[in-house]
Amino acid sequence: MIQIRREFAVDVPLLVPWRHLADVEHWPSWARHIKRAQITPTGALTLQSKGTFHLSNGIRSRFRMVEYNPPHNWRWVGPFLWLSVSYDHRFESIAPSRTKLIWIIEARGLGSSILVVPFAAIYNLNLDKAVPRLVS
């Protein structure tokens, strides 16, 4: 299993990052490794949401929502090569005007132990660039 965990805080109340990130079609504005995001149904996320990220390297990444607990977390799952990847997005209020975001990415499947290093390296590099743009 591959696991990546990223935690960071923002100086806004809990609902601000929840609403901002639930607008997935606007993720390319801060996550530049995403060329385009398509969500159905359109608009903010729901338990029925599913979608596709069109990445800047030409790869498409599909997902479907499997857990939705507003405003505390959502988790979607999608395939990557032959792996199943889970993306958990957690939101914790740590003060009235401060929120901690926790992202947990887990990949499971045959050969995940072989892919752990390149997968984590690429994903962490993308997060290293995207998170500061999101926070600002």
Protein backbone atom coordinates (compact mmCIF):
# COMPACT_ATOMS: atom_id res chain seq x y z
CA MET A 1 0.00 0.00 0.00
CA ILE A 2 1.10 3.54 -0.79
CA GLN A 3 0.10 6.28 1.63
CA ILE A 4 0.67 10.01 1.38
CA ARG A 5 -0.51 12.37 4.10
CA ARG A 6 -0.44 16.15 3.83
CA GLU A 7 -1.61 18.51 6.60
CA PHE A 8 -1.74 22.29 6.51
CA ALA A 9 -3.74 25.08 8.12
CA VAL A 10 -5.47 28.09 6.65
CA ASP A 11 -6.57 31.25 8.45
CA VAL A 12 -10.26 31.05 7.58
CA PRO A 13 -13.34 29.45 9.19
CA LEU A 14 -14.09 25.81 8.34
CA LEU A 15 -16.80 26.46 5.75
CA VAL A 16 -14.56 28.64 3.58
CA PRO A 17 -12.10 25.91 2.53
CA TRP A 18 -14.91 23.32 2.43
CA ARG A 19 -16.89 25.39 -0.08
CA HIS A 20 -13.80 26.38 -2.04
CA LEU A 21 -12.55 22.82 -2.45
CA ALA A 22 -16.02 21.41 -3.09
CA ASP A 23 -15.98 23.50 -6.27
CA VAL A 24 -13.77 20.91 -7.96
CA GLU A 25 -14.09 22.35 -11.46
CA HIS A 26 -12.00 25.33 -10.28
CA TRP A 27 -9.11 23.20 -8.99
CA PRO A 28 -6.96 23.88 -12.09
CA SER A 29 -6.63 27.51 -10.88
CA TRP A 30 -4.37 26.34 -8.03
CA ALA A 31 -3.49 22.74 -8.96
CA ARG A 32 -1.74 23.38 -12.25
CA HIS A 33 -1.03 19.68 -12.81
CA ILE A 34 -4.79 19.48 -13.50
CA LYS A 35 -5.65 20.83 -16.92
CA ARG A 36 -9.42 20.41 -16.53
CA ALA A 37 -11.89 18.89 -14.06
CA GLN A 38 -15.31 17.54 -14.97
CA ILE A 39 -17.88 16.71 -12.30
CA THR A 40 -21.33 15.16 -12.57
CA PRO A 41 -23.70 16.32 -11.41
CA THR A 42 -22.25 19.78 -12.04
CA GLY A 43 -21.69 22.18 -9.18
CA ALA A 44 -20.61 21.46 -5.63
CA LEU A 45 -19.85 17.92 -4.52
CA THR A 46 -22.49 15.47 -3.32
CA LEU A 47 -22.45 11.80 -2.39
CA GLN A 48 -23.46 11.07 -5.99
CA SER A 49 -20.53 13.00 -7.49
CA LYS A 50 -18.19 11.40 -9.95
CA GLY A 51 -15.73 13.01 -12.26
CA THR A 52 -12.60 13.10 -14.29
CA PHE A 53 -9.40 15.09 -13.90
CA HIS A 54 -7.59 15.75 -17.16
CA LEU A 55 -3.98 16.07 -16.07
CA SER A 56 -1.40 18.28 -17.78
CA ASN A 57 0.63 15.19 -18.77
CA GLY A 58 -2.30 13.82 -20.81
CA ILE A 59 -3.45 11.24 -18.27
CA ARG A 60 -7.09 11.13 -17.21
CA SER A 61 -7.93 10.29 -13.61
CA ARG A 62 -11.51 9.21 -12.85
CA PHE A 63 -13.12 9.12 -9.43
CA ARG A 64 -16.41 8.45 -7.69
CA MET A 65 -17.48 9.66 -4.27
CA VAL A 66 -17.64 6.94 -1.60
CA GLU A 67 -17.92 9.02 1.58
CA TYR A 68 -19.43 12.47 2.08
CA ASN A 69 -19.75 14.07 5.53
CA PRO A 70 -20.11 17.87 5.18
CA PRO A 71 -18.28 19.87 6.37
CA HIS A 72 -15.82 17.35 7.83
CA ASN A 73 -14.63 15.12 5.01
CA TRP A 74 -15.21 13.53 1.67
CA ARG A 75 -13.43 10.59 0.11
CA TRP A 76 -13.38 9.55 -3.47
CA VAL A 77 -11.85 6.51 -5.13
CA GLY A 78 -10.55 5.99 -8.62
CA PRO A 79 -8.23 3.80 -10.66
CA PHE A 80 -4.61 4.61 -11.47
CA LEU A 81 -3.08 2.04 -13.79
CA TRP A 82 -4.09 -1.21 -12.06
CA LEU A 83 -4.24 0.35 -8.59
CA SER A 84 -7.25 1.60 -6.63
CA VAL A 85 -6.53 5.04 -5.17
CA SER A 86 -8.48 6.60 -2.30
CA TYR A 87 -8.34 10.36 -1.75
CA ASP A 88 -9.62 11.48 1.66
CA HIS A 89 -10.10 15.23 2.18
CA ARG A 90 -10.56 16.15 5.85
CA PHE A 91 -11.41 19.52 7.40
CA GLU A 92 -10.95 20.30 11.11
CA SER A 93 -11.78 23.56 12.84
CA ILE A 94 -8.85 24.39 15.13
CA ALA A 95 -10.07 27.91 16.03
CA PRO A 96 -13.02 30.08 14.93
CA SER A 97 -10.95 31.48 12.06
CA ARG A 98 -8.47 28.66 11.46
CA THR A 99 -8.96 25.31 9.73
CA LYS A 100 -6.68 22.32 9.33
CA LEU A 101 -6.88 20.41 6.07
CA ILE A 102 -5.69 16.83 5.99
CA TRP A 103 -5.37 14.95 2.73
CA ILE A 104 -4.72 11.22 2.82
CA ILE A 105 -4.00 9.36 -0.40
CA GLU A 106 -3.83 5.57 -0.35
CA ALA A 107 -3.13 3.31 -3.29
CA ARG A 108 -3.75 -0.42 -3.09
CA GLY A 109 -3.32 -3.23 -5.51
CA LEU A 110 -0.89 -5.63 -7.08
CA GLY A 111 2.53 -4.03 -7.33
CA SER A 112 1.78 -1.03 -5.14
CA SER A 113 5.00 -1.72 -3.21
CA ILE A 114 6.95 -1.33 -6.46
CA LEU A 115 5.19 1.91 -7.41
CA VAL A 116 5.38 3.51 -3.96
CA VAL A 117 8.51 5.54 -4.63
CA PRO A 118 7.66 7.01 -8.06
CA PHE A 119 3.98 7.51 -7.23
CA ALA A 120 4.73 9.28 -3.94
CA ALA A 121 7.51 11.38 -5.51
CA ILE A 122 5.30 12.65 -8.33
CA TYR A 123 2.27 13.21 -6.12
CA ASN A 124 4.25 15.01 -3.43
CA LEU A 125 5.90 17.23 -6.05
CA ASN A 126 2.47 18.22 -7.36
CA LEU A 127 1.26 18.94 -3.81
CA ASP A 128 4.41 20.95 -3.01
CA LYS A 129 3.47 23.31 -5.84
CA ALA A 130 -0.32 23.28 -5.49
CA VAL A 131 -0.81 23.70 -1.73
CA PRO A 132 0.94 27.11 -1.45
CA ARG A 133 -1.16 28.41 -4.39
CA LEU A 134 -4.31 27.11 -2.71
CA VAL A 135 -3.43 28.69 0.65
CA SER A 136 -2.68 32.07 -0.93
